[in-house]
């Protein structure tokens, strides 16, 4: 009986996604479409100033020093290219360009954090530590970060507003790199990053007693209210801080971070639990939605970012996948994102990663397949996919490449450390298309 119910749920989920794709196609409005922006081909990359010198032999040698998650599976070629693309985007000083060309030739703390974890999970521990050390060097005096940095680490390229989520992502990455490195990267190596980012997270949340002030998040737009995309990474960061201090034997510091994380988690539930929309409820005393609709930040409350996942979070996570669907089959940043028909690969890959980490391999495979078939002719993952399925925007994109590597790594661990945290939450599987 239970198996039949699970199958019925999977069929209904597929039907919902199909209907959503049809609806998205009908409502898409034609606008000027973004072009595809790529790096020089691999043979000529060694002649481009600022990029890592490489060639086919150097590529093979570098890959051999680590591992290729998903080796022997249908994801191997995509993951291999993603790893090499991260190498292309990485600088000798640890900075990582967000993507190919122009506006993406800067280092975002968020992207750099995910790159560090992907490098660690694939056995490139020295490079992972370099990325964390770059974040440690550019960290501001209060422990937070600018929205983005010049690749030489000299500062931000402009006056763009700071983004508070950076400290949370730095803490999460430091813990994940340490956990994945089997001693190759000890918490003590990034102690300054740990102390200062923890101090920032504690300060902006008053030790978990308040939500942080409004700050732009991964949407890269100004906001007047605190978004889930800002507070959820800080929550993940405080939980990671607790684990790192515990590993260092710093019991009092670990306890402080843990208590703050517990308090902040309670505030997140009060503010966002009515659907887990982008801005949550307009006030704690009302269940009225404050606006913004569902967005990809709900993935930040799923494993591996959160070890405590409720059925309500999972339900919102599933709804996001149907509400934000776009004509090509990928996802927009949110359900109320502009109806331009464009799918975004980082948000789609976030769902794949969290599906794999939460014990939903079939769902992860569905989104990995979509990402794989929408790569560029050179095999890189683009930022966007147009309504007709054509790749667009910068390719490669560091965030998406990192997430694909991490998803493949999670899929190699069928009963990973996060699955046991979902007791009572039944996985909803979707057939691979």
Protein backbone atom coordinates (compact mmCIF):
# COMPACT_ATOMS: atom_id res chain seq x y z
CA UNK A 1 0.00 0.00 0.00
CA UNK A 2 2.80 2.42 0.95
CA UNK A 3 4.69 1.71 -2.28
CA UNK A 4 1.56 2.38 -4.31
CA UNK A 5 0.99 5.67 -2.52
CA UNK A 6 4.58 6.75 -3.14
CA UNK A 7 4.22 5.93 -6.85
CA UNK A 8 0.96 7.90 -7.03
CA UNK A 9 2.68 10.88 -5.44
CA UNK A 10 5.50 10.67 -7.97
CA UNK A 11 3.04 10.56 -10.88
CA UNK A 12 1.14 13.55 -9.51
CA UNK A 13 4.39 15.48 -9.05
CA UNK A 14 5.38 14.82 -12.67
CA UNK A 15 1.96 15.91 -13.86
CA UNK A 16 2.26 19.13 -11.85
CA UNK A 17 5.66 19.89 -13.38
CA UNK A 18 4.33 19.20 -16.91
CA UNK A 19 1.34 21.50 -16.40
CA UNK A 20 3.65 24.16 -15.00
CA UNK A 21 5.91 23.97 -18.06
CA UNK A 22 2.91 24.45 -20.36
CA UNK A 23 1.75 27.41 -18.28
CA UNK A 24 5.22 28.96 -18.24
CA UNK A 25 5.45 28.63 -22.01
CA UNK A 26 2.12 30.34 -22.44
CA UNK A 27 2.99 33.30 -20.19
CA UNK A 28 6.58 33.92 -21.27
CA UNK A 29 7.06 37.37 -22.78
CA UNK A 30 9.64 37.90 -25.52
CA UNK A 31 12.42 40.31 -24.56
CA UNK A 32 15.94 40.93 -25.72
CA UNK A 33 17.64 37.60 -25.09
CA UNK A 34 21.05 37.48 -23.37
CA UNK A 35 23.92 36.23 -25.54
CA UNK A 36 26.19 33.31 -24.71
CA UNK A 37 29.51 34.49 -23.28
CA UNK A 38 32.32 31.94 -23.20
CA UNK A 39 35.99 31.77 -22.30
CA UNK A 40 38.63 31.09 -24.96
CA UNK A 41 38.94 27.43 -25.89
CA UNK A 42 41.12 25.19 -23.78
CA UNK A 43 43.99 25.18 -26.24
CA UNK A 44 44.42 28.95 -26.17
CA UNK A 45 43.64 29.58 -22.50
CA UNK A 46 47.34 29.58 -21.60
CA UNK A 47 47.75 32.83 -23.52
CA UNK A 48 45.05 34.76 -21.64
CA UNK A 49 46.47 37.05 -18.90
CA UNK A 50 45.22 36.30 -15.40
CA UNK A 51 44.01 32.78 -16.07
CA UNK A 52 45.77 29.65 -14.88
CA UNK A 53 48.29 28.31 -17.40
CA UNK A 54 47.05 24.99 -18.65
CA UNK A 55 47.00 22.48 -21.44
CA UNK A 56 45.68 18.98 -22.03
CA UNK A 57 48.60 17.41 -20.16
CA UNK A 58 48.31 19.80 -17.25
CA UNK A 59 44.57 19.17 -17.10
CA UNK A 60 45.02 15.42 -16.89
CA UNK A 61 47.73 15.74 -14.25
CA UNK A 62 45.59 18.08 -12.16
CA UNK A 63 42.52 15.83 -12.36
CA UNK A 64 44.64 12.82 -11.38
CA UNK A 65 45.67 14.57 -8.15
CA UNK A 66 42.05 14.41 -7.04
CA UNK A 67 38.96 12.53 -8.11
CA UNK A 68 36.07 13.03 -10.52
CA UNK A 69 32.80 12.55 -8.62
CA UNK A 70 30.41 10.49 -10.71
CA UNK A 71 33.20 8.61 -12.48
CA UNK A 72 31.72 5.77 -14.50
CA UNK A 73 28.24 7.34 -14.53
CA UNK A 74 26.43 9.40 -17.15
CA UNK A 75 27.51 12.52 -15.23
CA UNK A 76 31.24 11.91 -15.58
CA UNK A 77 31.82 14.10 -18.65
CA UNK A 78 29.81 17.00 -17.22
CA UNK A 79 31.60 16.81 -13.86
CA UNK A 80 35.02 16.49 -15.47
CA UNK A 81 34.40 19.63 -17.54
CA UNK A 82 32.99 21.44 -14.51
CA UNK A 83 36.17 20.70 -12.54
CA UNK A 84 38.38 21.94 -15.36
CA UNK A 85 36.22 25.04 -15.69
CA UNK A 86 36.71 25.80 -11.99
CA UNK A 87 40.43 25.48 -12.56
CA UNK A 88 40.20 27.91 -15.45
CA UNK A 89 38.29 30.42 -13.35
CA UNK A 90 40.64 30.15 -10.35
CA UNK A 91 43.52 32.53 -9.76
CA UNK A 92 46.86 31.69 -8.12
CA UNK A 93 45.86 33.84 -5.11
CA UNK A 94 42.72 31.77 -4.46
CA UNK A 95 40.25 34.18 -6.05
CA UNK A 96 37.68 32.58 -8.31
CA UNK A 97 35.97 34.50 -11.10
CA UNK A 98 32.21 33.98 -10.98
CA UNK A 99 32.02 33.30 -14.70
CA UNK A 100 33.25 34.01 -18.17
CA UNK A 101 33.88 37.59 -19.13
CA UNK A 102 33.09 41.19 -18.20
CA UNK A 103 30.58 41.55 -15.36
CA UNK A 104 31.43 38.10 -14.03
CA UNK A 105 35.19 38.65 -13.78
CA UNK A 106 34.94 39.27 -10.04
CA UNK A 107 34.99 37.06 -6.97
CA UNK A 108 31.72 36.76 -5.04
CA UNK A 109 32.13 35.30 -1.51
CA UNK A 110 29.07 33.12 -2.10
CA UNK A 111 30.46 31.56 -5.28
CA UNK A 112 33.95 31.22 -3.85
CA UNK A 113 32.54 29.35 -0.84
CA UNK A 114 30.82 26.76 -3.06
CA UNK A 115 33.92 26.42 -5.23
CA UNK A 116 36.02 25.69 -2.14
CA UNK A 117 33.65 22.92 -1.05
CA UNK A 118 33.51 21.40 -4.55
CA UNK A 119 37.31 21.37 -4.77
CA UNK A 120 37.57 19.72 -1.37
CA UNK A 121 34.98 17.07 -2.23
CA UNK A 122 36.96 16.23 -5.37
CA UNK A 123 40.26 15.88 -3.51
CA UNK A 124 41.84 19.23 -4.43
CA UNK A 125 42.41 20.26 -0.84
CA UNK A 126 45.23 22.75 -1.45
CA UNK A 127 43.10 24.71 -3.91
CA UNK A 128 40.10 24.57 -1.54
CA UNK A 129 42.22 26.05 1.23
CA UNK A 130 43.51 28.74 -1.14
CA UNK A 131 39.93 29.81 -1.88
CA UNK A 132 39.14 30.02 1.84
CA UNK A 133 42.33 31.96 2.50
CA UNK A 134 41.30 34.47 -0.18
CA UNK A 135 38.04 35.00 1.70
CA UNK A 136 40.00 35.38 4.92
CA UNK A 137 42.25 38.04 3.36
CA UNK A 138 39.42 40.16 1.92
CA UNK A 139 37.14 39.85 4.95
CA UNK A 140 36.10 43.21 6.38
CA UNK A 141 36.89 44.37 9.88
CA UNK A 142 33.45 43.43 11.20
CA UNK A 143 33.78 39.90 9.80
CA UNK A 144 31.42 40.44 6.88
CA UNK A 145 32.10 40.83 3.19
CA UNK A 146 31.54 43.11 0.24
CA UNK A 147 29.17 41.82 -2.43
CA UNK A 148 32.12 41.04 -4.73
CA UNK A 149 35.84 41.68 -5.12
CA UNK A 150 38.42 42.39 -7.76
CA UNK A 151 40.35 39.23 -8.52
CA UNK A 152 43.57 40.69 -7.10
CA UNK A 153 41.82 41.03 -3.74
CA UNK A 154 42.39 44.79 -3.57
CA UNK A 155 38.75 45.56 -2.83
CA UNK A 156 35.33 45.84 -4.45
CA UNK A 157 35.02 47.01 -8.06
CA UNK A 158 32.25 49.51 -7.27
CA UNK A 159 29.87 50.77 -4.62
CA UNK A 160 27.45 47.86 -4.79
CA UNK A 161 25.76 47.28 -1.41
CA UNK A 162 27.26 44.65 0.89
CA UNK A 163 25.56 41.25 1.11
CA UNK A 164 25.25 39.77 4.60
CA UNK A 165 24.92 36.17 3.45
CA UNK A 166 28.64 36.05 2.61
CA UNK A 167 29.68 35.44 6.22
CA UNK A 168 27.25 32.55 6.52
CA UNK A 169 28.48 30.92 3.34
CA UNK A 170 32.11 31.37 4.39
CA UNK A 171 31.42 29.56 7.69
CA UNK A 172 29.49 26.77 5.99
CA UNK A 173 32.27 26.31 3.44
CA UNK A 174 35.01 26.28 6.08
CA UNK A 175 33.23 23.49 7.94
CA UNK A 176 32.50 21.48 4.78
CA UNK A 177 36.09 21.80 3.54
CA UNK A 178 37.40 20.71 6.92
CA UNK A 179 34.96 17.79 7.06
CA UNK A 180 35.78 16.65 3.51
CA UNK A 181 39.54 16.93 3.78
CA UNK A 182 40.15 14.16 6.35
CA UNK A 183 42.63 16.34 8.21
CA UNK A 184 44.22 18.01 5.18
CA UNK A 185 42.50 21.30 6.09
CA UNK A 186 42.09 21.72 9.84
CA UNK A 187 39.75 24.33 11.37
CA UNK A 188 42.80 26.04 12.86
CA UNK A 189 44.02 26.93 9.34
CA UNK A 190 41.08 29.30 8.88
CA UNK A 191 40.72 30.39 12.52
CA UNK A 192 40.60 34.09 11.65
CA UNK A 193 37.88 33.49 9.05
CA UNK A 194 35.96 31.43 11.60
CA UNK A 195 36.25 33.92 14.45
CA UNK A 196 35.44 37.03 12.42
CA UNK A 197 32.58 35.56 10.37
CA UNK A 198 31.06 34.09 13.53
CA UNK A 199 31.37 37.47 15.20
CA UNK A 200 29.55 39.08 12.28
CA UNK A 201 26.74 36.50 12.30
CA UNK A 202 26.29 36.88 16.05
CA UNK A 203 26.32 40.68 15.84
CA UNK A 204 23.78 41.09 13.02
CA UNK A 205 21.40 38.62 14.70
CA UNK A 206 22.03 39.71 18.31
CA UNK A 207 23.12 36.16 19.16
CA UNK A 208 20.13 34.76 17.29
CA UNK A 209 17.55 37.00 19.00
CA UNK A 210 16.68 38.98 15.86
CA UNK A 211 16.63 38.60 12.12
CA UNK A 212 19.45 40.41 10.31
CA UNK A 213 18.72 43.73 8.66
CA UNK A 214 17.57 43.75 5.05
CA UNK A 215 20.42 43.04 2.65
CA UNK A 216 20.67 42.11 -1.03
CA UNK A 217 21.04 38.36 -1.49
CA UNK A 218 21.75 36.08 -4.45
CA UNK A 219 19.04 37.86 -6.46
CA UNK A 220 21.50 40.81 -6.59
CA UNK A 221 18.74 43.42 -6.16
CA UNK A 222 18.02 45.92 -3.43
CA UNK A 223 15.44 44.91 -0.81
CA UNK A 224 13.62 46.67 2.02
CA UNK A 225 12.84 43.53 4.05
CA UNK A 226 14.95 40.66 5.28
CA UNK A 227 14.83 37.78 2.81
CA UNK A 228 15.14 34.07 3.41
CA UNK A 229 18.14 34.25 1.06
CA UNK A 230 19.98 36.34 3.67
CA UNK A 231 18.95 34.74 6.95
CA UNK A 232 19.15 31.05 5.91
CA UNK A 233 22.89 31.18 5.02
CA UNK A 234 23.60 32.90 8.35
CA UNK A 235 21.70 30.13 10.11
CA UNK A 236 23.74 27.51 8.26
CA UNK A 237 26.88 29.43 9.11
CA UNK A 238 26.16 29.54 12.84
CA UNK A 239 25.50 25.79 12.85
CA UNK A 240 28.81 25.25 11.04
CA UNK A 241 30.54 27.56 13.49
CA UNK A 242 29.32 25.42 16.38
CA UNK A 243 30.78 22.30 14.77
CA UNK A 244 34.12 23.93 14.02
CA UNK A 245 34.58 25.32 17.51
CA UNK A 246 33.65 21.93 18.94
CA UNK A 247 36.34 20.33 16.76
CA UNK A 248 38.83 22.87 18.11
CA UNK A 249 37.88 22.03 21.68
CA UNK A 250 36.43 25.53 22.20
CA UNK A 251 33.40 24.45 24.19
CA UNK A 252 32.16 27.90 25.27
CA UNK A 253 32.41 29.32 21.74
CA UNK A 254 30.70 26.26 20.29
CA UNK A 255 27.89 26.61 22.81
CA UNK A 256 27.39 30.29 22.00
CA UNK A 257 27.12 29.60 18.25
CA UNK A 258 24.81 26.66 18.88
CA UNK A 259 22.45 28.64 21.10
CA UNK A 260 22.38 31.50 18.59
CA UNK A 261 21.58 29.06 15.78
CA UNK A 262 18.74 27.54 17.81
CA UNK A 263 17.25 30.96 18.53
CA UNK A 264 17.58 32.08 14.94
CA UNK A 265 15.96 28.87 13.69
CA UNK A 266 12.95 29.64 15.88
CA UNK A 267 12.71 33.14 14.39
CA UNK A 268 12.94 31.74 10.86
CA UNK A 269 10.03 29.41 11.59
CA UNK A 270 7.95 32.29 13.02
CA UNK A 271 8.68 34.58 10.10
CA UNK A 272 8.77 32.20 7.14
CA UNK A 273 6.89 29.00 8.02
CA UNK A 274 3.70 30.22 6.35
CA UNK A 275 4.84 28.87 2.96
CA UNK A 276 8.55 29.74 3.28
CA UNK A 277 8.19 32.56 0.78
CA UNK A 278 11.01 34.95 -0.03
CA UNK A 279 10.05 37.54 2.60
CA UNK A 280 7.84 35.40 4.82
CA UNK A 281 4.95 36.74 6.85
CA UNK A 282 4.59 40.48 7.15
CA UNK A 283 4.77 40.22 10.94
CA UNK A 284 5.03 37.58 13.62
CA UNK A 285 1.44 38.24 14.64
CA UNK A 286 0.05 37.65 11.17
CA UNK A 287 0.14 34.82 8.69
CA UNK A 288 -0.27 37.18 5.77
CA UNK A 289 2.45 36.63 3.22
CA UNK A 290 4.80 39.57 3.05
CA UNK A 291 5.46 39.11 -0.66
CA UNK A 292 8.09 37.69 -2.94
CA UNK A 293 6.64 34.23 -3.55
CA UNK A 294 8.63 31.04 -3.27
CA UNK A 295 12.24 31.25 -4.31
CA UNK A 296 15.33 29.06 -4.43
CA UNK A 297 16.37 30.16 -0.94
CA UNK A 298 14.11 27.43 0.42
CA UNK A 299 16.87 25.04 -0.66
CA UNK A 300 19.10 26.67 1.99
CA UNK A 301 16.86 25.08 4.63
CA UNK A 302 17.39 21.61 3.18
CA UNK A 303 20.33 19.22 3.70
CA UNK A 304 23.25 19.66 3.55
CA UNK A 305 22.74 23.26 4.70
CA UNK A 306 20.40 22.31 7.52
CA UNK A 307 20.41 19.12 9.56
CA UNK A 308 16.85 19.71 10.81
CA UNK A 309 14.34 19.69 7.97
CA UNK A 310 10.61 19.78 8.60
CA UNK A 311 7.83 18.42 6.36
CA UNK A 312 6.75 22.04 5.80
CA UNK A 313 10.16 22.97 4.39
CA UNK A 314 10.13 19.92 2.12
CA UNK A 315 6.63 20.81 0.90
CA UNK A 316 7.74 24.37 0.06
CA UNK A 317 10.87 22.99 -1.63
CA UNK A 318 8.69 20.77 -3.82
CA UNK A 319 6.28 23.62 -4.64
CA UNK A 320 9.15 25.84 -5.71
CA UNK A 321 10.07 23.27 -8.34
CA UNK A 322 6.66 23.56 -9.98
CA UNK A 323 5.93 27.24 -9.31
CA UNK A 324 9.26 28.48 -10.74
CA UNK A 325 9.43 26.16 -13.79
CA UNK A 326 10.28 27.77 -17.13
CA UNK A 327 9.57 26.72 -20.74
CA UNK A 328 12.91 24.94 -21.28
CA UNK A 329 12.30 22.88 -18.14
CA UNK A 330 14.65 24.60 -15.71
CA UNK A 331 13.86 26.94 -12.84
CA UNK A 332 13.76 30.70 -12.32
CA UNK A 333 15.18 32.24 -9.13
CA UNK A 334 11.65 32.52 -7.79
CA UNK A 335 8.00 32.03 -8.60
CA UNK A 336 7.53 35.78 -9.01
CA UNK A 337 10.62 36.32 -11.11
CA UNK A 338 9.93 38.12 -14.35
CA UNK A 339 8.20 36.01 -17.00
CA UNK A 340 10.94 36.15 -19.62
CA UNK A 341 11.02 32.41 -20.27
CA UNK A 342 14.61 32.02 -19.01
CA UNK A 343 15.76 29.13 -16.81
CA UNK A 344 18.64 29.73 -14.39
CA UNK A 345 21.14 26.93 -13.85
CA UNK A 346 22.39 27.81 -10.31
CA UNK A 347 18.89 27.60 -8.85
CA UNK A 348 18.18 24.41 -10.77
CA UNK A 349 21.45 22.91 -9.56
CA UNK A 350 20.65 23.90 -5.96
CA UNK A 351 17.57 21.70 -6.17
CA UNK A 352 19.65 18.85 -7.61
CA UNK A 353 22.21 19.18 -4.80
CA UNK A 354 19.67 19.29 -2.01
CA UNK A 355 17.71 16.42 -3.56
CA UNK A 356 20.85 14.27 -3.56
CA UNK A 357 21.80 15.31 -0.03
CA UNK A 358 18.32 14.58 1.32
CA UNK A 359 18.08 11.05 -0.07
CA UNK A 360 16.16 11.72 -3.28
CA UNK A 361 18.50 10.36 -5.98
CA UNK A 362 15.85 10.06 -8.71
CA UNK A 363 14.88 13.72 -8.33
CA UNK A 364 18.54 14.76 -8.28
CA UNK A 365 19.10 12.72 -11.45
CA UNK A 366 16.18 14.46 -13.15
CA UNK A 367 17.73 17.89 -12.66
CA UNK A 368 21.27 16.68 -13.38
CA UNK A 369 20.03 15.32 -16.70
CA UNK A 370 18.42 18.66 -17.52
CA UNK A 371 21.64 20.50 -16.70
CA UNK A 372 23.70 18.06 -18.75
CA UNK A 373 21.66 18.39 -21.94
CA UNK A 374 21.67 22.19 -21.76
CA UNK A 375 25.42 22.70 -21.68
CA UNK A 376 27.33 24.65 -24.30
CA UNK A 377 28.87 22.87 -27.32
CA UNK A 378 32.16 22.95 -25.39
CA UNK A 379 30.55 21.18 -22.44
CA UNK A 380 30.46 24.09 -19.99
CA UNK A 381 27.47 24.94 -17.82
CA UNK A 382 25.92 28.33 -18.67
CA UNK A 383 24.18 30.69 -16.29
CA UNK A 384 20.93 30.73 -18.23
CA UNK A 385 18.92 28.62 -20.68
CA UNK A 386 16.52 30.37 -23.04
CA UNK A 387 12.94 29.27 -23.66
CA UNK A 388 14.04 27.40 -26.79
CA UNK A 389 16.67 25.45 -24.83
CA UNK A 390 19.70 27.45 -26.02
CA UNK A 391 22.45 28.17 -23.45
CA UNK A 392 22.96 31.86 -22.66
CA UNK A 393 24.85 34.15 -20.32
CA UNK A 394 28.35 33.41 -19.06
CA UNK A 395 29.64 29.87 -19.54
CA UNK A 396 31.17 28.48 -17.47
CA UNK A 397 29.51 29.73 -14.31
CA UNK A 398 31.42 28.84 -11.14
CA UNK A 399 28.39 28.43 -8.86
CA UNK A 400 26.62 25.99 -11.18
CA UNK A 401 29.81 24.05 -11.91
CA UNK A 402 30.43 23.67 -8.18
CA UNK A 403 26.88 22.49 -7.50
CA UNK A 404 27.04 19.85 -10.23
CA UNK A 405 30.29 18.49 -8.76
CA UNK A 406 28.77 18.44 -5.28
CA UNK A 407 25.59 16.74 -6.50
CA UNK A 408 27.59 14.00 -8.21
CA UNK A 409 29.59 13.53 -5.02
CA UNK A 410 26.40 13.20 -2.95
CA UNK A 411 24.95 10.69 -5.38
CA UNK A 412 27.96 8.48 -4.68
CA UNK A 413 26.83 8.24 -1.05
CA UNK A 414 23.40 6.55 -1.22
CA UNK A 415 22.91 6.66 2.56
CA UNK A 416 24.74 9.89 3.29
CA UNK A 417 24.94 11.63 6.67
CA UNK A 418 21.87 13.81 6.05
CA UNK A 419 19.32 11.14 5.18
CA UNK A 420 18.73 10.15 8.81
CA UNK A 421 17.69 13.72 9.66
CA UNK A 422 14.55 13.39 7.55
CA UNK A 423 12.71 10.90 9.75
CA UNK A 424 9.01 11.08 9.01
CA UNK A 425 9.48 12.94 5.74
CA UNK A 426 8.74 10.67 2.81
CA UNK A 427 10.83 11.29 -0.33
CA UNK A 428 8.87 12.20 -3.44
CA UNK A 429 10.61 10.75 -6.47
CA UNK A 430 10.20 11.90 -10.02
CA UNK A 431 11.16 9.75 -13.03
CA UNK A 432 14.16 10.92 -15.01
CA UNK A 433 13.25 12.40 -18.38
